[in-house]
Amino acid sequence: MIQRLALFLFVFIATDQILAQANTASKQVTTFSIEAPQLNCTKKIWLYLPKNYQNSKKKYPVIYMHDAQNLFDAKTSFVGEWNVDEKLDSLNAQVIVVGIEHGNEKRMDELTPYKNAKYGGGNADQYLDFIVKTLKPAIDSKYRTKTNTKNTGIMGSSLGGLVSYYAILKYPEVFGKAGIFSPSFWFNRKEIMELTEKTTKIKTKIYFLCGDNEGDADMVLDLNKIDDLVSEKRCECKNLTKKQIVKGGQHNEKLWRDGFANAYIWLF
């Protein structure tokens, strides 16, 4: 159980080797800080702008992503980055990515919708309130964004996958697309299943991804169950859900890095 919890908590302990790594974020990536009154803290935000942003007057869709330390830069990542910037650059992707740094020891609290009897947590409502009511308005006011539901996505892995799924149920009018990677449904299994069953309509376009060797025997079972519940609420003819279960895939950045580009292409 200790090993299982360690997989999901991502206790970010820097080592000399990690600190010695060079920054790998591209020049399209910048950072800034913003007050998060809902969380009583200041949040560091990583921002990716497409290569032609400065020379264009276009507006762009936006993806909000969790665990920003792992998205763009090997130096700040736990055990490897997602290479989000390089992959989007290679696709000449016309999208803005807003990465939200996790709260270190508060990460589990922020990314879990309900309190777990053993591990605690359960402050995702405040975290999502920050994204929707503080961060998104700030991004939309400063950058050329397409602000509507169809052009606003949310994406994350592990606990970030759990909170991304919860976000589309709580804010269906905000998030029209979701990349849900290796979601930790186990943390709030009963509550998430019940919430899904009670939700009358789920219109969000969803890309599910997990591996069949993630160290949690229930990962694929939970994902299939949620997928079935979602499918019951909409016509398959609309092609709103895609599910990828990767043979041999493990609960790590490699799985999510390898799956990111395909998820982006299918969603957007």
C-alpha atoms as a PDB file:
ATOM      1  CA  MET A   1       0.000   0.000   0.000  1.00  0.00           C
ATOM      2  CA  ILE A   2       2.905   2.347   0.733  1.00  0.00           C
ATOM      3  CA  GLN A   3       4.282   1.781  -2.758  1.00  0.00           C
ATOM      4  CA  ARG A   4       0.836   2.299  -4.277  1.00  0.00           C
ATOM      5  CA  LEU A   5       0.337   5.613  -2.501  1.00  0.00           C
ATOM      6  CA  ALA A   6       3.800   6.775  -3.543  1.00  0.00           C
ATOM      7  CA  LEU A   7       2.825   6.322  -7.184  1.00  0.00           C
ATOM      8  CA  PHE A   8       0.027   8.841  -6.845  1.00  0.00           C
ATOM      9  CA  LEU A   9       1.359  11.374  -4.382  1.00  0.00           C
ATOM     10  CA  PHE A  10       4.462  12.326  -6.392  1.00  0.00           C
ATOM     11  CA  VAL A  11       6.558  13.492  -3.476  1.00  0.00           C
ATOM     12  CA  PHE A  12       8.943  15.800  -5.317  1.00  0.00           C
ATOM     13  CA  ILE A  13      12.321  15.438  -3.616  1.00  0.00           C
ATOM     14  CA  ALA A  14      15.088  17.184  -5.544  1.00  0.00           C
ATOM     15  CA  THR A  15      18.416  15.399  -5.891  1.00  0.00           C
ATOM     16  CA  ASP A  16      21.814  16.755  -6.928  1.00  0.00           C
ATOM     17  CA  GLN A  17      21.409  15.046 -10.278  1.00  0.00           C
ATOM     18  CA  ILE A  18      18.058  16.738 -10.972  1.00  0.00           C
ATOM     19  CA  LEU A  19      19.350  20.126  -9.889  1.00  0.00           C
ATOM     20  CA  ALA A  20      22.321  19.753 -12.224  1.00  0.00           C
ATOM     21  CA  GLN A  21      20.151  19.273 -15.289  1.00  0.00           C
ATOM     22  CA  ALA A  22      19.863  22.083 -17.798  1.00  0.00           C
ATOM     23  CA  ASN A  23      16.538  23.768 -18.433  1.00  0.00           C
ATOM     24  CA  THR A  24      14.803  22.176 -21.416  1.00  0.00           C
ATOM     25  CA  ALA A  25      11.755  24.406 -21.792  1.00  0.00           C
ATOM     26  CA  SER A  26      11.536  26.092 -25.201  1.00  0.00           C
ATOM     27  CA  LYS A  27      11.492  29.850 -25.761  1.00  0.00           C
ATOM     28  CA  GLN A  28       7.705  29.624 -26.253  1.00  0.00           C
ATOM     29  CA  VAL A  29       7.358  28.846 -22.533  1.00  0.00           C
ATOM     30  CA  THR A  30       7.251  31.545 -19.854  1.00  0.00           C
ATOM     31  CA  THR A  31       6.174  31.619 -16.219  1.00  0.00           C
ATOM     32  CA  PHE A  32       4.344  34.043 -13.977  1.00  0.00           C
ATOM     33  CA  SER A  33       2.737  34.048 -10.552  1.00  0.00           C
ATOM     34  CA  ILE A  34      -0.869  34.783  -9.663  1.00  0.00           C
ATOM     35  CA  GLU A  35      -2.699  35.073  -6.387  1.00  0.00           C
ATOM     36  CA  ALA A  36      -5.068  32.183  -5.690  1.00  0.00           C
ATOM     37  CA  PRO A  37      -7.435  33.442  -2.980  1.00  0.00           C
ATOM     38  CA  GLN A  38      -9.443  30.223  -3.124  1.00  0.00           C
ATOM     39  CA  LEU A  39      -6.320  28.331  -2.029  1.00  0.00           C
ATOM     40  CA  ASN A  40      -4.772  31.024   0.186  1.00  0.00           C
ATOM     41  CA  CYS A  41      -1.538  30.956  -1.765  1.00  0.00           C
ATOM     42  CA  THR A  42       0.292  32.252  -4.819  1.00  0.00           C
ATOM     43  CA  LYS A  43       0.379  29.890  -7.791  1.00  0.00           C
ATOM     44  CA  LYS A  44       3.203  29.664 -10.326  1.00  0.00           C
ATOM     45  CA  ILE A  45       1.860  29.282 -13.857  1.00  0.00           C
ATOM     46  CA  TRP A  46       3.713  28.031 -16.938  1.00  0.00           C
ATOM     47  CA  LEU A  47       2.470  29.392 -20.259  1.00  0.00           C
ATOM     48  CA  TYR A  48       3.087  27.945 -23.718  1.00  0.00           C
ATOM     49  CA  LEU A  49       2.317  30.155 -26.711  1.00  0.00           C
ATOM     50  CA  PRO A  50       2.392  28.776 -30.282  1.00  0.00           C
ATOM     51  CA  LYS A  51       5.407  29.684 -32.400  1.00  0.00           C
ATOM     52  CA  ASN A  52       3.578  32.241 -34.516  1.00  0.00           C
ATOM     53  CA  TYR A  53       1.669  33.898 -31.664  1.00  0.00           C
ATOM     54  CA  GLN A  54       3.630  37.180 -31.656  1.00  0.00           C
ATOM     55  CA  ASN A  55       3.273  37.631 -35.421  1.00  0.00           C
ATOM     56  CA  SER A  56      -0.390  36.804 -35.552  1.00  0.00           C
ATOM     57  CA  LYS A  57      -3.688  38.396 -34.630  1.00  0.00           C
ATOM     58  CA  LYS A  58      -5.448  35.055 -34.359  1.00  0.00           C
ATOM     59  CA  LYS A  59      -7.228  33.760 -31.295  1.00  0.00           C
ATOM     60  CA  TYR A  60      -6.327  30.343 -29.951  1.00  0.00           C
ATOM     61  CA  PRO A  61      -7.941  27.507 -27.991  1.00  0.00           C
ATOM     62  CA  VAL A  62      -6.539  26.871 -24.515  1.00  0.00           C
ATOM     63  CA  ILE A  63      -5.655  23.722 -22.569  1.00  0.00           C
ATOM     64  CA  TYR A  64      -5.378  23.952 -18.781  1.00  0.00           C
ATOM     65  CA  MET A  65      -2.985  21.327 -17.425  1.00  0.00           C
ATOM     66  CA  HIS A  66      -1.970  20.254 -13.921  1.00  0.00           C
ATOM     67  CA  ASP A  67       1.465  19.464 -12.451  1.00  0.00           C
ATOM     68  CA  ALA A  68       3.211  22.112 -14.564  1.00  0.00           C
ATOM     69  CA  GLN A  69       6.602  21.143 -13.137  1.00  0.00           C
ATOM     70  CA  ASN A  70       6.426  17.969 -15.240  1.00  0.00           C
ATOM     71  CA  LEU A  71       5.157  19.382 -18.521  1.00  0.00           C
ATOM     72  CA  PHE A  72       7.938  21.435 -20.121  1.00  0.00           C
ATOM     73  CA  ASP A  73      11.236  21.210 -18.261  1.00  0.00           C
ATOM     74  CA  ALA A  74      13.378  18.228 -17.272  1.00  0.00           C
ATOM     75  CA  LYS A  75      15.023  20.287 -14.538  1.00  0.00           C
ATOM     76  CA  THR A  76      11.802  20.813 -12.598  1.00  0.00           C
ATOM     77  CA  SER A  77      10.241  17.436 -13.364  1.00  0.00           C
ATOM     78  CA  PHE A  78      10.001  14.550 -10.942  1.00  0.00           C
ATOM     79  CA  VAL A  79      11.194  11.691 -13.159  1.00  0.00           C
ATOM     80  CA  GLY A  80      11.062  13.193 -16.653  1.00  0.00           C
ATOM     81  CA  GLU A  81       8.961  15.762 -18.502  1.00  0.00           C
ATOM     82  CA  TRP A  82       6.074  15.388 -20.945  1.00  0.00           C
ATOM     83  CA  ASN A  83       7.865  17.440 -23.661  1.00  0.00           C
ATOM     84  CA  VAL A  84       4.613  19.328 -24.214  1.00  0.00           C
ATOM     85  CA  ASP A  85       6.319  22.313 -25.853  1.00  0.00           C
ATOM     86  CA  GLU A  86       8.500  20.272 -28.207  1.00  0.00           C
ATOM     87  CA  LYS A  87       5.597  18.061 -29.252  1.00  0.00           C
ATOM     88  CA  LEU A  88       3.316  21.023 -29.947  1.00  0.00           C
ATOM     89  CA  ASP A  89       6.098  22.804 -31.824  1.00  0.00           C
ATOM     90  CA  SER A  90       6.625  19.753 -34.026  1.00  0.00           C
ATOM     91  CA  LEU A  91       2.911  19.720 -34.851  1.00  0.00           C
ATOM     92  CA  ASN A  92       2.853  23.481 -35.440  1.00  0.00           C
ATOM     93  CA  ALA A  93      -0.047  23.312 -32.998  1.00  0.00           C
ATOM     94  CA  GLN A  94      -2.315  26.335 -32.809  1.00  0.00           C
ATOM     95  CA  VAL A  95      -3.041  26.188 -29.096  1.00  0.00           C
ATOM     96  CA  ILE A  96      -2.120  27.890 -25.827  1.00  0.00           C
ATOM     97  CA  VAL A  97      -1.247  25.697 -22.839  1.00  0.00           C
ATOM     98  CA  VAL A  98      -1.613  26.958 -19.273  1.00  0.00           C
ATOM     99  CA  GLY A  99       0.235  24.736 -16.803  1.00  0.00           C
ATOM    100  CA  ILE A 100      -0.578  25.081 -13.104  1.00  0.00           C
ATOM    101  CA  GLU A 101       2.111  24.055 -10.647  1.00  0.00           C
ATOM    102  CA  HIS A 102       0.981  21.549  -8.056  1.00  0.00           C
ATOM    103  CA  GLY A 103       1.088  22.584  -4.425  1.00  0.00           C
ATOM    104  CA  ASN A 104       3.878  20.179  -3.361  1.00  0.00           C
ATOM    105  CA  GLU A 105       2.672  18.789  -0.027  1.00  0.00           C
ATOM    106  CA  LYS A 106      -0.802  20.187  -0.837  1.00  0.00           C
ATOM    107  CA  ARG A 107      -0.990  18.436  -4.213  1.00  0.00           C
ATOM    108  CA  MET A 108      -3.200  15.616  -2.979  1.00  0.00           C
ATOM    109  CA  ASP A 109      -5.591  18.061  -1.315  1.00  0.00           C
ATOM    110  CA  GLU A 110      -5.890  20.224  -4.426  1.00  0.00           C
ATOM    111  CA  LEU A 111      -6.425  17.439  -6.944  1.00  0.00           C
ATOM    112  CA  THR A 112      -8.951  15.261  -5.103  1.00  0.00           C
ATOM    113  CA  PRO A 113     -12.704  16.022  -5.145  1.00  0.00           C
ATOM    114  CA  TYR A 114     -13.687  14.183  -1.971  1.00  0.00           C
ATOM    115  CA  LYS A 115     -11.949  13.303   1.253  1.00  0.00           C
ATOM    116  CA  ASN A 116     -10.534   9.790   1.356  1.00  0.00           C
ATOM    117  CA  ALA A 117     -11.045   8.032   4.688  1.00  0.00           C
ATOM    118  CA  LYS A 118      -7.398   6.957   4.836  1.00  0.00           C
ATOM    119  CA  TYR A 119      -5.477   9.657   2.956  1.00  0.00           C
ATOM    120  CA  GLY A 120      -7.531  12.811   3.445  1.00  0.00           C
ATOM    121  CA  GLY A 121      -7.605  15.353   0.617  1.00  0.00           C
ATOM    122  CA  GLY A 122     -10.796  16.702  -0.908  1.00  0.00           C
ATOM    123  CA  ASN A 123     -10.138  20.358  -1.821  1.00  0.00           C
ATOM    124  CA  ALA A 124     -10.600  20.114  -5.592  1.00  0.00           C
ATOM    125  CA  ASP A 125     -13.611  22.426  -5.474  1.00  0.00           C
ATOM    126  CA  GLN A 126     -11.389  25.293  -4.336  1.00  0.00           C
ATOM    127  CA  TYR A 127      -8.691  24.382  -6.865  1.00  0.00           C
ATOM    128  CA  LEU A 128     -11.131  24.312  -9.769  1.00  0.00           C
ATOM    129  CA  ASP A 129     -12.773  27.496  -8.530  1.00  0.00           C
ATOM    130  CA  PHE A 130      -9.348  29.127  -8.799  1.00  0.00           C
ATOM    131  CA  ILE A 131      -8.918  27.910 -12.386  1.00  0.00           C
ATOM    132  CA  VAL A 132     -12.394  28.905 -13.543  1.00  0.00           C
ATOM    133  CA  LYS A 133     -12.918  32.178 -11.672  1.00  0.00           C
ATOM    134  CA  THR A 134      -9.411  33.574 -11.250  1.00  0.00           C
ATOM    135  CA  LEU A 135      -6.917  32.033 -13.674  1.00  0.00           C
ATOM    136  CA  LYS A 136      -9.054  31.677 -16.800  1.00  0.00           C
ATOM    137  CA  PRO A 137     -10.337  35.277 -16.686  1.00  0.00           C
ATOM    138  CA  ALA A 138      -6.746  36.483 -16.267  1.00  0.00           C
ATOM    139  CA  ILE A 139      -5.554  34.427 -19.243  1.00  0.00           C
ATOM    140  CA  ASP A 140      -8.498  35.492 -21.404  1.00  0.00           C
ATOM    141  CA  SER A 141      -7.924  39.164 -20.614  1.00  0.00           C
ATOM    142  CA  LYS A 142      -4.191  39.150 -21.391  1.00  0.00           C
ATOM    143  CA  TYR A 143      -3.915  36.729 -24.306  1.00  0.00           C
ATOM    144  CA  ARG A 144      -5.816  36.181 -27.530  1.00  0.00           C
ATOM    145  CA  THR A 145      -7.897  33.189 -26.566  1.00  0.00           C
ATOM    146  CA  LYS A 146     -11.031  31.508 -27.847  1.00  0.00           C
ATOM    147  CA  THR A 147     -12.992  31.638 -24.639  1.00  0.00           C
ATOM    148  CA  ASN A 148     -15.945  29.374 -25.414  1.00  0.00           C
ATOM    149  CA  THR A 149     -16.489  25.826 -24.164  1.00  0.00           C
ATOM    150  CA  LYS A 150     -15.593  24.169 -27.464  1.00  0.00           C
ATOM    151  CA  ASN A 151     -12.128  25.722 -27.348  1.00  0.00           C
ATOM    152  CA  THR A 152     -11.307  25.210 -23.672  1.00  0.00           C
ATOM    153  CA  GLY A 153      -9.728  21.959 -22.557  1.00  0.00           C
ATOM    154  CA  ILE A 154      -8.381  20.435 -19.360  1.00  0.00           C
ATOM    155  CA  MET A 155      -5.806  17.668 -19.104  1.00  0.00           C
ATOM    156  CA  GLY A 156      -3.844  15.789 -16.471  1.00  0.00           C
ATOM    157  CA  SER A 157      -2.551  12.443 -15.256  1.00  0.00           C
ATOM    158  CA  SER A 158      -2.978  10.360 -12.106  1.00  0.00           C
ATOM    159  CA  LEU A 159      -4.617  12.655  -9.542  1.00  0.00           C
ATOM    160  CA  GLY A 160      -4.563  15.239 -12.333  1.00  0.00           C
ATOM    161  CA  GLY A 161      -6.632  12.826 -14.405  1.00  0.00           C
ATOM    162  CA  LEU A 162      -9.082  12.424 -11.540  1.00  0.00           C
ATOM    163  CA  VAL A 163      -9.539  16.177 -11.088  1.00  0.00           C
ATOM    164  CA  SER A 164      -9.815  16.719 -14.856  1.00  0.00           C
ATOM    165  CA  TYR A 165     -12.698  14.267 -15.012  1.00  0.00           C
ATOM    166  CA  TYR A 166     -14.334  15.888 -12.003  1.00  0.00           C
ATOM    167  CA  ALA A 167     -13.906  19.292 -13.678  1.00  0.00           C
ATOM    168  CA  ILE A 168     -15.960  18.329 -16.730  1.00  0.00           C
ATOM    169  CA  LEU A 169     -18.798  17.171 -14.489  1.00  0.00           C
ATOM    170  CA  LYS A 170     -18.710  20.262 -12.314  1.00  0.00           C
ATOM    171  CA  TYR A 171     -18.052  22.836 -15.058  1.00  0.00           C
ATOM    172  CA  PRO A 172     -19.494  21.423 -18.301  1.00  0.00           C
ATOM    173  CA  GLU A 173     -20.113  24.969 -19.496  1.00  0.00           C
ATOM    174  CA  VAL A 174     -16.387  25.754 -19.215  1.00  0.00           C
ATOM    175  CA  PHE A 175     -14.476  22.664 -20.334  1.00  0.00           C
ATOM    176  CA  GLY A 176     -15.490  21.195 -23.671  1.00  0.00           C
ATOM    177  CA  LYS A 177     -12.505  18.871 -24.101  1.00  0.00           C
ATOM    178  CA  ALA A 178     -10.569  16.707 -21.631  1.00  0.00           C
ATOM    179  CA  GLY A 179      -7.457  14.548 -21.717  1.00  0.00           C
ATOM    180  CA  ILE A 180      -7.768  12.117 -18.819  1.00  0.00           C
ATOM    181  CA  PHE A 181      -4.596  10.057 -18.363  1.00  0.00           C
ATOM    182  CA  SER A 182      -4.249   7.214 -15.820  1.00  0.00           C
ATOM    183  CA  PRO A 183      -6.952   8.737 -13.600  1.00  0.00           C
ATOM    184  CA  SER A 184      -6.750   7.883  -9.896  1.00  0.00           C
ATOM    185  CA  PHE A 185     -10.419   6.989  -9.641  1.00  0.00           C
ATOM    186  CA  TRP A 186      -9.536   4.670  -6.754  1.00  0.00           C
ATOM    187  CA  PHE A 187      -9.110   7.687  -4.476  1.00  0.00           C
ATOM    188  CA  ASN A 188     -12.811   8.636  -4.694  1.00  0.00           C
ATOM    189  CA  ARG A 189     -14.232   5.631  -6.555  1.00  0.00           C
ATOM    190  CA  LYS A 190     -17.663   5.507  -4.916  1.00  0.00           C
ATOM    191  CA  GLU A 191     -18.298   9.244  -5.084  1.00  0.00           C
ATOM    192  CA  ILE A 192     -17.094   9.618  -8.671  1.00  0.00           C
ATOM    193  CA  MET A 193     -19.198   6.693  -9.872  1.00  0.00           C
ATOM    194  CA  GLU A 194     -22.267   8.117  -8.119  1.00  0.00           C
ATOM    195  CA  LEU A 195     -21.663  11.613  -9.497  1.00  0.00           C
ATOM    196  CA  THR A 196     -21.326  10.227 -13.014  1.00  0.00           C
ATOM    197  CA  GLU A 197     -24.552   8.271 -12.645  1.00  0.00           C
ATOM    198  CA  LYS A 198     -26.394  11.360 -11.378  1.00  0.00           C
ATOM    199  CA  THR A 199     -25.123  13.598 -14.193  1.00  0.00           C
ATOM    200  CA  THR A 200     -27.851  13.682 -16.805  1.00  0.00           C
ATOM    201  CA  LYS A 201     -25.780  14.837 -19.769  1.00  0.00           C
ATOM    202  CA  ILE A 202     -22.054  14.673 -20.500  1.00  0.00           C
ATOM    203  CA  LYS A 203     -21.227  16.593 -23.663  1.00  0.00           C
ATOM    204  CA  THR A 204     -17.459  17.006 -23.191  1.00  0.00           C
ATOM    205  CA  LYS A 205     -15.144  15.414 -25.742  1.00  0.00           C
ATOM    206  CA  ILE A 206     -12.969  12.985 -23.737  1.00  0.00           C
ATOM    207  CA  TYR A 207      -9.692  11.198 -24.464  1.00  0.00           C
ATOM    208  CA  PHE A 208      -9.056   8.431 -21.920  1.00  0.00           C
ATOM    209  CA  LEU A 209      -5.574   6.896 -21.640  1.00  0.00           C
ATOM    210  CA  CYS A 210      -4.063   4.319 -19.321  1.00  0.00           C
ATOM    211  CA  GLY A 211      -1.636   1.400 -19.394  1.00  0.00           C
ATOM    212  CA  ASP A 212      -2.436  -2.208 -18.583  1.00  0.00           C
ATOM    213  CA  ASN A 213       0.641  -2.470 -16.339  1.00  0.00           C
ATOM    214  CA  GLU A 214       0.251   0.531 -14.038  1.00  0.00           C
ATOM    215  CA  GLY A 215       0.726  -1.344 -10.771  1.00  0.00           C
ATOM    216  CA  ASP A 216      -2.961  -0.997  -9.888  1.00  0.00           C
ATOM    217  CA  ALA A 217      -5.147  -3.892 -10.944  1.00  0.00           C
ATOM    218  CA  ASP A 218      -8.236  -1.666 -10.785  1.00  0.00           C
ATOM    219  CA  MET A 219      -6.945   1.018 -13.175  1.00  0.00           C
ATOM    220  CA  VAL A 220      -8.352  -0.524 -16.353  1.00  0.00           C
ATOM    221  CA  LEU A 221     -11.499  -1.761 -14.588  1.00  0.00           C
ATOM    222  CA  ASP A 222     -12.267   1.712 -13.219  1.00  0.00           C
ATOM    223  CA  LEU A 223     -11.582   3.377 -16.555  1.00  0.00           C
ATOM    224  CA  ASN A 224     -13.834   0.923 -18.399  1.00  0.00           C
ATOM    225  CA  LYS A 225     -16.612   1.437 -15.851  1.00  0.00           C
ATOM    226  CA  ILE A 226     -16.477   5.227 -16.169  1.00  0.00           C
ATOM    227  CA  ASP A 227     -16.341   4.932 -19.944  1.00  0.00           C
ATOM    228  CA  ASP A 228     -19.447   2.735 -19.887  1.00  0.00           C
ATOM    229  CA  LEU A 229     -21.314   5.178 -17.635  1.00  0.00           C
ATOM    230  CA  VAL A 230     -20.401   8.112 -19.869  1.00  0.00           C
ATOM    231  CA  SER A 231     -21.436   6.192 -22.997  1.00  0.00           C
ATOM    232  CA  GLU A 232     -24.873   5.552 -21.524  1.00  0.00           C
ATOM    233  CA  LYS A 233     -25.496   9.305 -21.500  1.00  0.00           C
ATOM    234  CA  ARG A 234     -24.769  10.081 -25.132  1.00  0.00           C
ATOM    235  CA  CYS A 235     -24.987   8.662 -28.617  1.00  0.00           C
ATOM    236  CA  GLU A 236     -21.861   6.843 -29.796  1.00  0.00           C
ATOM    237  CA  CYS A 237     -22.518   8.235 -33.263  1.00  0.00           C
ATOM    238  CA  LYS A 238     -21.205  11.605 -32.095  1.00  0.00           C
ATOM    239  CA  ASN A 239     -17.689  10.182 -31.556  1.00  0.00           C
ATOM    240  CA  LEU A 240     -17.127  12.131 -28.348  1.00  0.00           C
ATOM    241  CA  THR A 241     -15.003   9.574 -26.493  1.00  0.00           C
ATOM    242  CA  LYS A 242     -11.763   7.819 -27.343  1.00  0.00           C
ATOM    243  CA  LYS A 243     -10.155   5.271 -25.026  1.00  0.00           C
ATOM    244  CA  GLN A 244      -6.584   4.059 -25.340  1.00  0.00           C
ATOM    245  CA  ILE A 245      -5.316   1.231 -23.140  1.00  0.00           C
ATOM    246  CA  VAL A 246      -1.611   0.821 -23.854  1.00  0.00           C
ATOM    247  CA  LYS A 247      -0.210  -2.699 -23.660  1.00  0.00           C
ATOM    248  CA  GLY A 248       2.632  -2.721 -21.135  1.00  0.00           C
ATOM    249  CA  GLY A 249       2.027   0.932 -20.290  1.00  0.00           C
ATOM    250  CA  GLN A 250       3.085   1.949 -16.778  1.00  0.00           C
ATOM    251  CA  HIS A 251       2.060   4.774 -14.461  1.00  0.00           C
ATOM    252  CA  ASN A 252       4.763   7.243 -15.461  1.00  0.00           C
ATOM    253  CA  GLU A 253       5.690  10.239 -17.570  1.00  0.00           C
ATOM    254  CA  LYS A 254       6.753   8.059 -20.494  1.00  0.00           C
ATOM    255  CA  LEU A 255       3.199   6.798 -20.961  1.00  0.00           C
ATOM    256  CA  TRP A 256       1.759  10.306 -20.728  1.00  0.00           C
ATOM    257  CA  ARG A 257       4.490  11.876 -22.879  1.00  0.00           C
ATOM    258  CA  ASP A 258       4.007   9.260 -25.593  1.00  0.00           C
ATOM    259  CA  GLY A 259       0.233   9.709 -25.496  1.00  0.00           C
ATOM    260  CA  PHE A 260       0.069  13.500 -25.377  1.00  0.00           C
ATOM    261  CA  ALA A 261       0.359  14.333 -29.090  1.00  0.00           C
ATOM    262  CA  ASN A 262      -2.278  11.818 -30.159  1.00  0.00           C
ATOM    263  CA  ALA A 263      -4.621  13.102 -27.468  1.00  0.00           C
ATOM    264  CA  TYR A 264      -4.125  16.712 -28.586  1.00  0.00           C
ATOM    265  CA  ILE A 265      -4.684  15.847 -32.262  1.00  0.00           C
ATOM    266  CA  TRP A 266      -7.872  13.895 -31.533  1.00  0.00           C
ATOM    267  CA  LEU A 267      -9.304  16.491 -29.149  1.00  0.00           C
ATOM    268  CA  PHE A 268      -8.471  19.599 -31.141  1.00  0.00           C
END
